[in-house]
Amino acid sequence: MDMRLTDGTEVVIRRIRPDDKQLLASALGRLSDESVRGRFLAPKPRFTGTELRYLTEIDFVDHFAVAAVLRDRPDLIVGVARWIRDRHRPAEAEAAVVVADDLHGQGLGRALGMQIGDAARERGIRRFTATMLSDNLAVHRLFASISERLEVRHDGATDELVAELAA
């Protein structure tokens, strides 16, 4: 899917691929400490080889992920969204979205969220769950925008979100 962000930046949203390992590792290295903390809830200086395989060698049935790359720099991942189906509750999946710092507020997170929401519904998933820092208001807004109903459970510094996907 091609998209023009509000600042005019052109991106392509595509399925993540096994050959994205190095691009994904580089993308993590470009995130600010705040963005890393918002996505992983703790410092994350690098991915291990095992993590990179897990994040890029996926089946698109129980684990689905898309990457956003710049149209004129397809070797630069600027956003990733994914969900992983819960084995015990197959209509539920844990979801996550991260966007490069310089593209925050441009509509990319919502586009990524819509993309994984559509893919989830097509595969019988009706709810996304997510654990996030309570102060991560951008992700709270993102989940609210892609859900029909959003339930938030506060647990200290983190929130557990359950988003009923819109039909």
C-alpha atoms as a PDB file:
ATOM      1  CA  MET A   1       0.000   0.000   0.000  1.00  0.00           C
ATOM      2  CA  ASP A   2       1.342   3.415  -0.969  1.00  0.00           C
ATOM      3  CA  MET A   3       0.699   6.368   1.300  1.00  0.00           C
ATOM      4  CA  ARG A   4       1.547  10.056   1.539  1.00  0.00           C
ATOM      5  CA  LEU A   5       1.955  11.281   5.121  1.00  0.00           C
ATOM      6  CA  THR A   6       0.625  14.670   6.203  1.00  0.00           C
ATOM      7  CA  ASP A   7       4.091  16.229   5.736  1.00  0.00           C
ATOM      8  CA  GLY A   8       4.275  14.860   2.166  1.00  0.00           C
ATOM      9  CA  THR A   9       6.628  11.940   2.908  1.00  0.00           C
ATOM     10  CA  GLU A  10       5.807   8.985   0.670  1.00  0.00           C
ATOM     11  CA  VAL A  11       5.900   5.524   2.252  1.00  0.00           C
ATOM     12  CA  VAL A  12       5.100   2.004   1.168  1.00  0.00           C
ATOM     13  CA  ILE A  13       3.481  -0.369   3.650  1.00  0.00           C
ATOM     14  CA  ARG A  14       4.271  -3.989   2.845  1.00  0.00           C
ATOM     15  CA  ARG A  15       4.476  -7.354   4.543  1.00  0.00           C
ATOM     16  CA  ILE A  16       7.624  -7.893   6.550  1.00  0.00           C
ATOM     17  CA  ARG A  17      10.058 -10.332   4.914  1.00  0.00           C
ATOM     18  CA  PRO A  18      12.798 -12.677   6.145  1.00  0.00           C
ATOM     19  CA  ASP A  19      15.395 -10.508   4.383  1.00  0.00           C
ATOM     20  CA  ASP A  20      14.343  -7.514   6.541  1.00  0.00           C
ATOM     21  CA  LYS A  21      16.464  -8.657   9.496  1.00  0.00           C
ATOM     22  CA  GLN A  22      19.223  -6.077   9.053  1.00  0.00           C
ATOM     23  CA  LEU A  23      16.753  -3.314   8.142  1.00  0.00           C
ATOM     24  CA  LEU A  24      14.769  -4.059  11.316  1.00  0.00           C
ATOM     25  CA  ALA A  25      17.926  -4.057  13.438  1.00  0.00           C
ATOM     26  CA  SER A  26      18.915  -0.689  11.933  1.00  0.00           C
ATOM     27  CA  ALA A  27      15.425   0.720  12.526  1.00  0.00           C
ATOM     28  CA  LEU A  28      15.649  -0.155  16.231  1.00  0.00           C
ATOM     29  CA  GLY A  29      18.979   1.655  16.416  1.00  0.00           C
ATOM     30  CA  ARG A  30      17.416   4.841  15.023  1.00  0.00           C
ATOM     31  CA  LEU A  31      14.608   5.008  17.597  1.00  0.00           C
ATOM     32  CA  SER A  32      14.923   7.403  20.516  1.00  0.00           C
ATOM     33  CA  ASP A  33      15.195   5.982  24.026  1.00  0.00           C
ATOM     34  CA  GLU A  34      11.643   7.219  24.637  1.00  0.00           C
ATOM     35  CA  SER A  35      10.259   5.407  21.595  1.00  0.00           C
ATOM     36  CA  VAL A  36      12.096   2.207  22.528  1.00  0.00           C
ATOM     37  CA  ARG A  37      10.710   2.443  26.063  1.00  0.00           C
ATOM     38  CA  GLY A  38       7.224   3.070  24.663  1.00  0.00           C
ATOM     39  CA  ARG A  39       7.396  -0.020  22.451  1.00  0.00           C
ATOM     40  CA  PHE A  40       9.337  -2.483  24.645  1.00  0.00           C
ATOM     41  CA  LEU A  41       8.602  -0.994  28.130  1.00  0.00           C
ATOM     42  CA  ALA A  42      12.338  -1.092  28.865  1.00  0.00           C
ATOM     43  CA  PRO A  43      15.670  -0.333  27.199  1.00  0.00           C
ATOM     44  CA  LYS A  44      16.326  -2.516  24.140  1.00  0.00           C
ATOM     45  CA  PRO A  45      19.744  -1.769  22.645  1.00  0.00           C
ATOM     46  CA  ARG A  46      19.586  -4.472  19.950  1.00  0.00           C
ATOM     47  CA  PHE A  47      17.765  -7.555  18.720  1.00  0.00           C
ATOM     48  CA  THR A  48      19.335 -10.973  19.050  1.00  0.00           C
ATOM     49  CA  GLY A  49      19.557 -13.246  16.013  1.00  0.00           C
ATOM     50  CA  THR A  50      16.761 -15.366  17.480  1.00  0.00           C
ATOM     51  CA  GLU A  51      14.551 -12.294  17.928  1.00  0.00           C
ATOM     52  CA  LEU A  52      15.210 -11.146  14.357  1.00  0.00           C
ATOM     53  CA  ARG A  53      14.214 -14.567  13.017  1.00  0.00           C
ATOM     54  CA  TYR A  54      11.065 -14.517  15.180  1.00  0.00           C
ATOM     55  CA  LEU A  55      10.162 -11.010  13.998  1.00  0.00           C
ATOM     56  CA  THR A  56      10.757 -11.583  10.275  1.00  0.00           C
ATOM     57  CA  GLU A  57      10.170 -15.274   9.524  1.00  0.00           C
ATOM     58  CA  ILE A  58       6.431 -15.382  10.134  1.00  0.00           C
ATOM     59  CA  ASP A  59       3.431 -17.319   8.814  1.00  0.00           C
ATOM     60  CA  PHE A  60       0.916 -14.454   8.257  1.00  0.00           C
ATOM     61  CA  VAL A  61      -1.787 -16.664   9.824  1.00  0.00           C
ATOM     62  CA  ASP A  62      -0.974 -16.617  13.536  1.00  0.00           C
ATOM     63  CA  HIS A  63       1.742 -13.966  13.337  1.00  0.00           C
ATOM     64  CA  PHE A  64       1.243 -11.044  10.959  1.00  0.00           C
ATOM     65  CA  ALA A  65       3.504  -8.025  10.452  1.00  0.00           C
ATOM     66  CA  VAL A  66       3.908  -5.130   8.064  1.00  0.00           C
ATOM     67  CA  ALA A  67       6.764  -2.702   7.601  1.00  0.00           C
ATOM     68  CA  ALA A  68       6.622   0.854   6.320  1.00  0.00           C
ATOM     69  CA  VAL A  69       9.564   1.949   4.179  1.00  0.00           C
ATOM     70  CA  LEU A  70      10.271   5.255   2.518  1.00  0.00           C
ATOM     71  CA  ARG A  71       9.269   5.209  -1.161  1.00  0.00           C
ATOM     72  CA  ASP A  72      12.631   6.679  -2.196  1.00  0.00           C
ATOM     73  CA  ARG A  73      14.607   4.669   0.410  1.00  0.00           C
ATOM     74  CA  PRO A  74      13.135   1.134   0.475  1.00  0.00           C
ATOM     75  CA  ASP A  75      16.112   0.080   2.588  1.00  0.00           C
ATOM     76  CA  LEU A  76      14.858   2.247   5.478  1.00  0.00           C
ATOM     77  CA  ILE A  77      12.115   0.842   7.724  1.00  0.00           C
ATOM     78  CA  VAL A  78      10.233   3.726   9.353  1.00  0.00           C
ATOM     79  CA  GLY A  79       7.407   1.787  11.010  1.00  0.00           C
ATOM     80  CA  VAL A  80       6.337  -1.713  11.936  1.00  0.00           C
ATOM     81  CA  ALA A  81       3.033  -3.132  13.108  1.00  0.00           C
ATOM     82  CA  ARG A  82       2.300  -6.707  14.074  1.00  0.00           C
ATOM     83  CA  TRP A  83      -0.048  -9.014  15.887  1.00  0.00           C
ATOM     84  CA  ILE A  84       0.479 -12.481  17.297  1.00  0.00           C
ATOM     85  CA  ARG A  85      -2.543 -14.696  17.859  1.00  0.00           C
ATOM     86  CA  ASP A  86      -3.153 -15.998  21.386  1.00  0.00           C
ATOM     87  CA  ARG A  87      -2.938 -19.802  21.242  1.00  0.00           C
ATOM     88  CA  HIS A  88      -5.530 -20.198  23.993  1.00  0.00           C
ATOM     89  CA  ARG A  89      -7.925 -17.539  22.677  1.00  0.00           C
ATOM     90  CA  PRO A  90      -7.737 -17.720  18.854  1.00  0.00           C
ATOM     91  CA  ALA A  91     -10.028 -14.713  18.335  1.00  0.00           C
ATOM     92  CA  GLU A  92      -7.519 -12.540  20.244  1.00  0.00           C
ATOM     93  CA  ALA A  93      -4.040 -11.290  19.326  1.00  0.00           C
ATOM     94  CA  GLU A  94      -1.408  -9.172  20.992  1.00  0.00           C
ATOM     95  CA  ALA A  95      -0.677  -6.150  18.809  1.00  0.00           C
ATOM     96  CA  ALA A  96       2.109  -3.577  18.647  1.00  0.00           C
ATOM     97  CA  VAL A  97       2.966  -0.587  16.474  1.00  0.00           C
ATOM     98  CA  VAL A  98       6.105   1.535  16.358  1.00  0.00           C
ATOM     99  CA  VAL A  99       6.896   4.527  14.127  1.00  0.00           C
ATOM    100  CA  ALA A 100      10.193   6.345  13.563  1.00  0.00           C
ATOM    101  CA  ASP A 101      10.471   9.414  15.776  1.00  0.00           C
ATOM    102  CA  ASP A 102      10.698  11.917  12.921  1.00  0.00           C
ATOM    103  CA  LEU A 103       7.378  10.644  11.513  1.00  0.00           C
ATOM    104  CA  HIS A 104       5.285  10.788  14.690  1.00  0.00           C
ATOM    105  CA  GLY A 105       1.989  12.595  14.241  1.00  0.00           C
ATOM    106  CA  GLN A 106       1.917  12.133  10.441  1.00  0.00           C
ATOM    107  CA  GLY A 107      -0.759   9.401  10.256  1.00  0.00           C
ATOM    108  CA  LEU A 108       1.592   6.458   9.752  1.00  0.00           C
ATOM    109  CA  GLY A 109       0.770   4.737  13.060  1.00  0.00           C
ATOM    110  CA  ARG A 110      -2.943   4.821  12.304  1.00  0.00           C
ATOM    111  CA  ALA A 111      -2.381   3.492   8.769  1.00  0.00           C
ATOM    112  CA  LEU A 112      -0.259   0.650  10.149  1.00  0.00           C
ATOM    113  CA  GLY A 113      -2.893  -0.069  12.791  1.00  0.00           C
ATOM    114  CA  MET A 114      -5.660  -0.165  10.191  1.00  0.00           C
ATOM    115  CA  GLN A 115      -3.583  -2.492   8.013  1.00  0.00           C
ATOM    116  CA  ILE A 116      -3.039  -5.049  10.793  1.00  0.00           C
ATOM    117  CA  GLY A 117      -6.639  -4.642  11.972  1.00  0.00           C
ATOM    118  CA  ASP A 118      -7.942  -5.553   8.513  1.00  0.00           C
ATOM    119  CA  ALA A 119      -5.607  -8.559   8.315  1.00  0.00           C
ATOM    120  CA  ALA A 120      -6.691  -9.704  11.785  1.00  0.00           C
ATOM    121  CA  ARG A 121     -10.406  -9.557  10.961  1.00  0.00           C
ATOM    122  CA  GLU A 122      -9.792 -11.518   7.746  1.00  0.00           C
ATOM    123  CA  ARG A 123      -8.205 -14.248   9.902  1.00  0.00           C
ATOM    124  CA  GLY A 124     -10.946 -14.405  12.528  1.00  0.00           C
ATOM    125  CA  ILE A 125      -9.369 -12.160  15.159  1.00  0.00           C
ATOM    126  CA  ARG A 126     -11.866  -9.905  16.904  1.00  0.00           C
ATOM    127  CA  ARG A 127      -9.769  -8.377  19.695  1.00  0.00           C
ATOM    128  CA  PHE A 128      -6.322  -6.871  20.048  1.00  0.00           C
ATOM    129  CA  THR A 129      -4.590  -6.772  23.399  1.00  0.00           C
ATOM    130  CA  ALA A 130      -1.591  -4.648  24.257  1.00  0.00           C
ATOM    131  CA  THR A 131       0.499  -3.783  27.277  1.00  0.00           C
ATOM    132  CA  MET A 132       1.832  -0.260  27.249  1.00  0.00           C
ATOM    133  CA  LEU A 133       3.096   2.466  29.497  1.00  0.00           C
ATOM    134  CA  SER A 134       0.251   4.494  30.948  1.00  0.00           C
ATOM    135  CA  ASP A 135       1.789   7.723  29.642  1.00  0.00           C
ATOM    136  CA  ASN A 136       1.930   6.485  26.018  1.00  0.00           C
ATOM    137  CA  LEU A 137      -1.028   8.581  24.910  1.00  0.00           C
ATOM    138  CA  ALA A 138      -0.278   8.237  21.188  1.00  0.00           C
ATOM    139  CA  VAL A 139      -0.735   4.469  21.307  1.00  0.00           C
ATOM    140  CA  HIS A 140      -3.871   4.829  23.435  1.00  0.00           C
ATOM    141  CA  ARG A 141      -5.297   7.126  20.717  1.00  0.00           C
ATOM    142  CA  LEU A 142      -4.191   4.725  17.981  1.00  0.00           C
ATOM    143  CA  PHE A 143      -5.958   1.751  19.559  1.00  0.00           C
ATOM    144  CA  ALA A 144      -9.060   3.862  20.174  1.00  0.00           C
ATOM    145  CA  SER A 145      -9.112   4.847  16.487  1.00  0.00           C
ATOM    146  CA  ILE A 146      -8.998   1.266  15.177  1.00  0.00           C
ATOM    147  CA  SER A 147     -11.387  -0.268  17.681  1.00  0.00           C
ATOM    148  CA  GLU A 148     -15.112  -0.334  18.138  1.00  0.00           C
ATOM    149  CA  ARG A 149     -14.718  -0.463  21.912  1.00  0.00           C
ATOM    150  CA  LEU A 150     -11.609  -0.012  24.032  1.00  0.00           C
ATOM    151  CA  GLU A 151     -11.159  -1.293  27.566  1.00  0.00           C
ATOM    152  CA  VAL A 152      -8.209  -0.013  29.595  1.00  0.00           C
ATOM    153  CA  ARG A 153      -7.028  -1.638  32.816  1.00  0.00           C
ATOM    154  CA  HIS A 154      -4.482   0.420  34.783  1.00  0.00           C
ATOM    155  CA  ASP A 155      -1.769  -1.489  36.612  1.00  0.00           C
ATOM    156  CA  GLY A 156       0.718   0.952  38.070  1.00  0.00           C
ATOM    157  CA  ALA A 157       2.896   2.385  35.301  1.00  0.00           C
ATOM    158  CA  THR A 158       1.376   0.148  32.623  1.00  0.00           C
ATOM    159  CA  ASP A 159      -2.019  -0.217  31.013  1.00  0.00           C
ATOM    160  CA  GLU A 160      -3.543  -3.370  29.600  1.00  0.00           C
ATOM    161  CA  LEU A 161      -5.675  -2.547  26.575  1.00  0.00           C
ATOM    162  CA  VAL A 162      -8.336  -4.732  25.016  1.00  0.00           C
ATOM    163  CA  ALA A 163      -9.555  -3.343  21.719  1.00  0.00           C
ATOM    164  CA  GLU A 164     -12.655  -4.837  20.108  1.00  0.00           C
ATOM    165  CA  LEU A 165     -11.944  -4.450  16.410  1.00  0.00           C
ATOM    166  CA  ALA A 166     -14.496  -2.505  14.415  1.00  0.00           C
ATOM    167  CA  ALA A 167     -16.426  -4.591  11.885  1.00  0.00           C
END
